[in-house]
Amino acid sequence: MYKTDLHLHTTHSDGNLSPSELIDLCYENGLRHISITDHDSTEGIEESINYSIKYPDLEIIPGIELSTDFEGAEIHMLGFYINYKNKDLQKVLKDFRDGRQNRAYSIVEKLKSFGIDISWERVLEISNKGSVGRPHIAQAMVEKGYIKYPKEAFEKYLGRDQIGYISRTKFTPEQSIELITKYDGIPVIAHPTYIVQKSAQPNKDLEKILSKLKIAGLKGVEVYYNDYTKDQITSLLKISQKLDLIPCGGSDYHASGNPNEIIPGTVGPPVECLVELKKIRHPF
């Protein structure tokens, strides 16, 4: 049984469960160590910690997920144990969220030019005052019948190479590592195989990327993830061991409504992962 999930989203970004609903689900499914890693937001962490009092043996690890630009693709960076109470950090994150919202509005307007008419007001309602993003647009498209499942929106309209895509200003991976480290967090790269999906030599290219990011301060890599196959996990584990990066992982659960979505408690890293993360926090 899995006890640890270090990649979870709530309604404070693009998840569909509130922190309390997510915590109840995780606990019922056997998890005892979880990290709330909303996009560009730590707004759900305090709520999660307060609610988790009802489960004395449940550990909540403050986290965040940042999107970065990398050679025409994206690298997502997780930050564990980040000092979410720091006011300077919150100013930076507010700027990120404002950028996401402006971009989302522009996407909604662009989609209208292709005959996809969804309401901006409805997108805001779906976001429920959280960090607005493309998943909320996708949900609005499902409601209007343009697509059947949210993932179709990214495949047909909202993905990087699709007609509704609009870029936004993002950090580089190195800048995100610097930001996470500055505010006491531990930077770990999320779903790393997504970076090199179109690469002819994915393992060699990924190892090269991770080596470069380790020099910048990267401490871990998401080895146990969502729908990764055993071969992918084995390959990533070898790379993490070679580069001395902590093998982390989680479900990346959003309660999105997509078919066959991986739920919390069905994937995750061994508890030893947390031991290694805590050694970085408290080396002595």
Protein backbone atom coordinates (compact mmCIF):
# COMPACT_ATOMS: atom_id res chain seq x y z
CA MET A 1 0.00 0.00 0.00
CA TYR A 2 1.29 3.45 -0.88
CA LYS A 3 1.75 5.87 2.01
CA THR A 4 3.19 8.90 0.21
CA ASP A 5 1.93 11.21 -2.56
CA LEU A 6 3.94 14.36 -3.24
CA HIS A 7 1.98 15.78 -6.17
CA LEU A 8 -1.62 16.87 -5.55
CA HIS A 9 -3.84 19.75 -6.67
CA THR A 10 -6.82 21.49 -5.08
CA THR A 11 -9.39 24.09 -6.09
CA HIS A 12 -6.78 26.73 -5.27
CA SER A 13 -5.30 26.01 -8.70
CA ASP A 14 -6.73 23.58 -11.25
CA GLY A 15 -7.92 20.73 -9.04
CA ASN A 16 -11.62 20.03 -8.55
CA LEU A 17 -11.51 19.04 -4.88
CA SER A 18 -11.19 21.45 -1.99
CA PRO A 19 -8.27 20.84 0.39
CA SER A 20 -10.60 19.16 2.89
CA GLU A 21 -12.15 16.91 0.23
CA LEU A 22 -8.73 15.97 -1.10
CA ILE A 23 -7.38 15.20 2.36
CA ASP A 24 -10.35 12.98 3.19
CA LEU A 25 -9.83 11.06 -0.06
CA CYS A 26 -6.10 10.66 0.49
CA TYR A 27 -6.51 9.43 4.05
CA GLU A 28 -9.30 7.01 3.12
CA ASN A 29 -7.00 5.61 0.42
CA GLY A 30 -4.23 4.89 2.92
CA LEU A 31 -1.93 7.87 2.40
CA ARG A 32 -0.14 9.30 5.43
CA HIS A 33 2.33 11.76 3.87
CA ILE A 34 1.03 14.16 1.21
CA SER A 35 2.11 17.40 -0.42
CA ILE A 36 -0.29 20.04 -1.72
CA THR A 37 1.41 21.35 -4.87
CA ASP A 38 -0.94 23.82 -6.53
CA HIS A 39 0.19 25.77 -9.57
CA ASP A 40 1.72 29.14 -8.63
CA SER A 41 -0.22 29.11 -5.37
CA THR A 42 0.22 28.12 -1.75
CA GLU A 43 -3.25 29.34 -0.77
CA GLY A 44 -4.48 25.84 0.05
CA ILE A 45 -1.67 24.86 2.40
CA GLU A 46 -2.84 26.55 5.62
CA GLU A 47 -6.37 25.25 5.06
CA SER A 48 -4.99 21.75 4.50
CA ILE A 49 -2.84 21.81 7.63
CA ASN A 50 -5.71 23.08 9.76
CA TYR A 51 -8.13 20.47 8.42
CA SER A 52 -5.65 17.62 8.81
CA ILE A 53 -5.83 17.98 12.60
CA LYS A 54 -8.64 15.44 12.41
CA TYR A 55 -6.03 12.92 11.22
CA PRO A 56 -3.17 13.00 13.78
CA ASP A 57 -1.05 10.54 11.78
CA LEU A 58 -1.31 12.48 8.48
CA GLU A 59 1.64 14.66 7.47
CA ILE A 60 1.01 17.68 5.20
CA ILE A 61 4.11 18.87 3.33
CA PRO A 62 3.88 22.46 2.04
CA GLY A 63 4.53 22.48 -1.68
CA ILE A 64 4.08 24.29 -4.96
CA GLU A 65 4.38 23.61 -8.71
CA LEU A 66 5.90 26.19 -11.06
CA SER A 67 5.82 26.13 -14.86
CA THR A 68 8.98 27.10 -16.73
CA ASP A 69 10.00 27.51 -20.36
CA PHE A 70 12.64 25.21 -21.77
CA GLU A 71 13.65 25.16 -25.45
CA GLY A 72 10.12 25.34 -26.80
CA ALA A 73 8.73 22.99 -24.17
CA GLU A 74 7.81 23.19 -20.50
CA ILE A 75 9.52 21.97 -17.38
CA HIS A 76 7.43 21.89 -14.22
CA MET A 77 9.27 22.33 -10.95
CA LEU A 78 7.94 21.16 -7.59
CA GLY A 79 9.07 22.87 -4.41
CA PHE A 80 8.69 20.91 -1.16
CA TYR A 81 8.72 22.46 2.33
CA ILE A 82 8.56 25.94 0.79
CA ASN A 83 8.16 28.82 3.27
CA TYR A 84 4.63 29.68 2.16
CA LYS A 85 4.21 32.30 4.90
CA ASN A 86 6.91 34.55 3.45
CA LYS A 87 5.34 37.80 2.20
CA ASP A 88 7.94 38.37 -0.52
CA LEU A 89 7.23 34.92 -1.96
CA GLN A 90 3.51 35.67 -1.97
CA LYS A 91 4.11 38.85 -3.99
CA VAL A 92 5.98 36.82 -6.63
CA LEU A 93 3.25 34.18 -6.75
CA LYS A 94 0.53 36.83 -7.11
CA ASP A 95 2.33 38.17 -10.18
CA PHE A 96 2.44 34.63 -11.57
CA ARG A 97 -1.29 34.15 -10.99
CA ASP A 98 -2.12 37.52 -12.55
CA GLY A 99 -0.16 36.45 -15.62
CA ARG A 100 -2.06 33.16 -15.77
CA GLN A 101 -5.40 34.94 -15.55
CA ASN A 102 -4.55 37.46 -18.27
CA ARG A 103 -3.43 34.64 -20.50
CA ALA A 104 -6.58 32.62 -19.82
CA TYR A 105 -8.75 35.60 -20.79
CA SER A 106 -6.84 35.99 -24.04
CA ILE A 107 -7.30 32.29 -24.81
CA VAL A 108 -11.06 32.54 -24.27
CA GLU A 109 -11.19 35.48 -26.68
CA LYS A 110 -9.03 33.65 -29.23
CA LEU A 111 -11.23 30.55 -29.09
CA LYS A 112 -14.24 32.69 -30.00
CA SER A 113 -12.61 33.48 -33.33
CA PHE A 114 -12.72 29.73 -34.07
CA GLY A 115 -16.39 29.44 -33.14
CA ILE A 116 -15.81 28.15 -29.61
CA ASP A 117 -17.91 30.49 -27.51
CA ILE A 118 -17.42 30.02 -23.79
CA SER A 119 -18.08 32.58 -21.09
CA TRP A 120 -15.16 34.20 -19.28
CA GLU A 121 -17.44 34.66 -16.28
CA ARG A 122 -18.06 30.90 -16.26
CA VAL A 123 -14.33 30.19 -16.38
CA LEU A 124 -13.88 32.38 -13.31
CA GLU A 125 -16.72 30.57 -11.55
CA ILE A 126 -15.14 27.20 -12.28
CA SER A 127 -11.80 28.42 -10.90
CA ASN A 128 -13.61 29.31 -7.66
CA LYS A 129 -11.20 32.20 -6.97
CA GLY A 130 -8.22 29.88 -7.43
CA SER A 131 -5.29 30.30 -9.81
CA VAL A 132 -7.03 30.50 -13.21
CA GLY A 133 -5.61 28.34 -15.98
CA ARG A 134 -6.27 26.29 -19.10
CA PRO A 135 -7.90 23.40 -17.19
CA HIS A 136 -10.73 25.74 -16.18
CA ILE A 137 -11.23 26.69 -19.81
CA ALA A 138 -11.28 22.99 -20.68
CA GLN A 139 -14.00 22.35 -18.12
CA ALA A 140 -16.07 25.19 -19.56
CA MET A 141 -15.67 23.63 -23.01
CA VAL A 142 -16.93 20.30 -21.66
CA GLU A 143 -19.98 22.01 -20.20
CA LYS A 144 -20.81 23.62 -23.55
CA GLY A 145 -20.40 20.31 -25.37
CA TYR A 146 -17.40 21.24 -27.50
CA ILE A 147 -15.46 18.27 -26.11
CA LYS A 148 -16.29 15.20 -24.01
CA TYR A 149 -13.38 15.23 -21.57
CA PRO A 150 -11.01 18.01 -20.40
CA LYS A 151 -7.94 16.27 -21.83
CA GLU A 152 -9.45 16.63 -25.33
CA ALA A 153 -9.23 20.40 -24.98
CA PHE A 154 -5.46 20.18 -24.70
CA GLU A 155 -5.17 17.68 -27.53
CA LYS A 156 -7.29 19.75 -29.93
CA TYR A 157 -7.23 23.38 -28.79
CA LEU A 158 -5.15 24.36 -25.76
CA GLY A 159 -1.89 22.43 -26.12
CA ARG A 160 1.32 24.18 -27.13
CA ASP A 161 0.91 23.43 -30.85
CA GLN A 162 -2.87 23.91 -31.01
CA ILE A 163 -5.03 26.77 -32.33
CA GLY A 164 -6.03 28.21 -28.96
CA TYR A 165 -2.60 28.25 -27.37
CA ILE A 166 -1.16 31.52 -26.09
CA SER A 167 2.15 31.64 -24.27
CA ARG A 168 2.85 33.57 -21.10
CA THR A 169 5.97 34.84 -19.42
CA LYS A 170 7.58 32.08 -17.38
CA PHE A 171 10.76 31.51 -15.45
CA THR A 172 13.53 29.35 -16.78
CA PRO A 173 14.03 26.08 -14.87
CA GLU A 174 17.13 27.57 -13.25
CA GLN A 175 15.17 30.62 -12.08
CA SER A 176 12.47 28.43 -10.57
CA ILE A 177 15.10 26.41 -8.71
CA GLU A 178 16.59 29.65 -7.41
CA LEU A 179 13.17 30.92 -6.27
CA ILE A 180 12.23 27.69 -4.51
CA THR A 181 15.61 27.50 -2.79
CA LYS A 182 15.48 31.17 -1.75
CA TYR A 183 12.30 30.47 0.19
CA ASP A 184 13.58 27.34 1.93
CA GLY A 185 12.03 24.86 -0.51
CA ILE A 186 13.55 21.76 -2.07
CA PRO A 187 13.36 21.80 -5.91
CA VAL A 188 12.29 18.57 -7.60
CA ILE A 189 11.53 18.24 -11.30
CA ALA A 190 8.01 16.99 -12.11
CA HIS A 191 7.07 14.31 -14.71
CA PRO A 192 10.49 14.54 -16.42
CA THR A 193 9.72 12.29 -19.40
CA TYR A 194 7.29 14.94 -20.69
CA ILE A 195 10.28 17.13 -21.54
CA VAL A 196 11.79 14.73 -24.07
CA GLN A 197 8.77 12.90 -25.46
CA LYS A 198 9.77 13.76 -29.03
CA SER A 199 13.46 13.10 -28.50
CA ALA A 200 15.25 10.42 -30.51
CA GLN A 201 17.38 9.57 -27.46
CA PRO A 202 15.11 10.39 -24.49
CA ASN A 203 17.25 8.87 -21.74
CA LYS A 204 20.51 10.49 -22.84
CA ASP A 205 18.83 13.84 -23.43
CA LEU A 206 17.04 13.71 -20.10
CA GLU A 207 20.20 12.80 -18.22
CA LYS A 208 21.96 15.77 -19.83
CA ILE A 209 19.15 18.13 -18.82
CA LEU A 210 19.02 16.82 -15.25
CA SER A 211 22.80 17.07 -14.91
CA LYS A 212 22.65 20.72 -15.89
CA LEU A 213 19.79 21.44 -13.50
CA LYS A 214 21.55 19.66 -10.65
CA ILE A 215 24.38 22.17 -10.98
CA ALA A 216 21.73 24.88 -10.61
CA GLY A 217 20.48 23.28 -7.38
CA LEU A 218 18.00 20.57 -8.37
CA LYS A 219 17.64 18.03 -5.55
CA GLY A 220 15.19 15.43 -6.83
CA VAL A 221 13.28 13.96 -9.75
CA GLU A 222 9.77 12.57 -10.00
CA VAL A 223 10.40 8.88 -10.64
CA TYR A 224 7.12 7.36 -9.45
CA TYR A 225 4.42 9.20 -11.35
CA ASN A 226 0.83 8.88 -12.45
CA ASP A 227 0.75 6.45 -15.39
CA TYR A 228 4.47 5.71 -15.72
CA THR A 229 5.24 2.19 -16.82
CA LYS A 230 7.58 -0.11 -14.90
CA ASP A 231 10.21 0.42 -17.59
CA GLN A 232 9.97 4.19 -17.26
CA ILE A 233 10.27 3.98 -13.49
CA THR A 234 13.28 1.68 -13.74
CA SER A 235 14.97 3.97 -16.25
CA LEU A 236 14.34 7.11 -14.19
CA LEU A 237 15.46 5.40 -11.02
CA LYS A 238 18.80 4.53 -12.64
CA ILE A 239 19.26 8.13 -13.77
CA SER A 240 18.37 9.50 -10.33
CA GLN A 241 20.85 7.15 -8.67
CA LYS A 242 23.58 8.03 -11.13
CA LEU A 243 23.08 11.76 -10.57
CA ASP A 244 22.41 11.44 -6.83
CA LEU A 245 18.94 12.97 -7.09
CA ILE A 246 16.19 11.97 -4.67
CA PRO A 247 13.55 9.76 -6.39
CA CYS A 248 10.20 11.37 -5.56
CA GLY A 249 6.72 10.92 -6.96
CA GLY A 250 2.98 11.30 -6.81
CA SER A 251 -0.31 10.98 -8.65
CA ASP A 252 -0.64 14.58 -9.92
CA TYR A 253 -4.30 14.23 -9.02
CA HIS A 254 -6.76 16.90 -10.17
CA ALA A 255 -10.12 15.08 -10.00
CA SER A 256 -10.37 16.23 -13.60
CA GLY A 257 -13.07 13.86 -14.78
CA ASN A 258 -10.85 12.41 -17.49
CA PRO A 259 -11.27 8.67 -18.07
CA ASN A 260 -8.90 6.36 -16.19
CA GLU A 261 -7.51 9.17 -14.04
CA ILE A 262 -4.96 7.88 -11.54
CA ILE A 263 -6.24 8.45 -8.01
CA PRO A 264 -4.26 9.13 -4.81
CA GLY A 265 -3.10 6.00 -3.08
CA THR A 266 -2.38 4.03 -6.25
CA VAL A 267 1.08 5.43 -7.02
CA GLY A 268 3.87 7.07 -5.06
CA PRO A 269 7.45 6.92 -3.84
CA PRO A 270 8.72 4.87 -0.91
CA VAL A 271 8.67 6.65 2.45
CA GLU A 272 12.48 6.73 2.31
CA CYS A 273 12.09 9.58 -0.18
CA LEU A 274 10.84 11.78 2.66
CA VAL A 275 13.75 10.76 4.84
CA GLU A 276 16.15 12.07 2.19
CA LEU A 277 14.18 15.29 1.70
CA LYS A 278 14.22 15.92 5.45
CA LYS A 279 18.00 15.39 5.55
CA ILE A 280 18.31 18.38 3.22
CA ARG A 281 16.09 20.45 5.50
CA HIS A 282 17.91 19.40 8.66
CA PRO A 283 21.36 18.15 7.69
CA PHE A 284 22.58 17.83 11.27
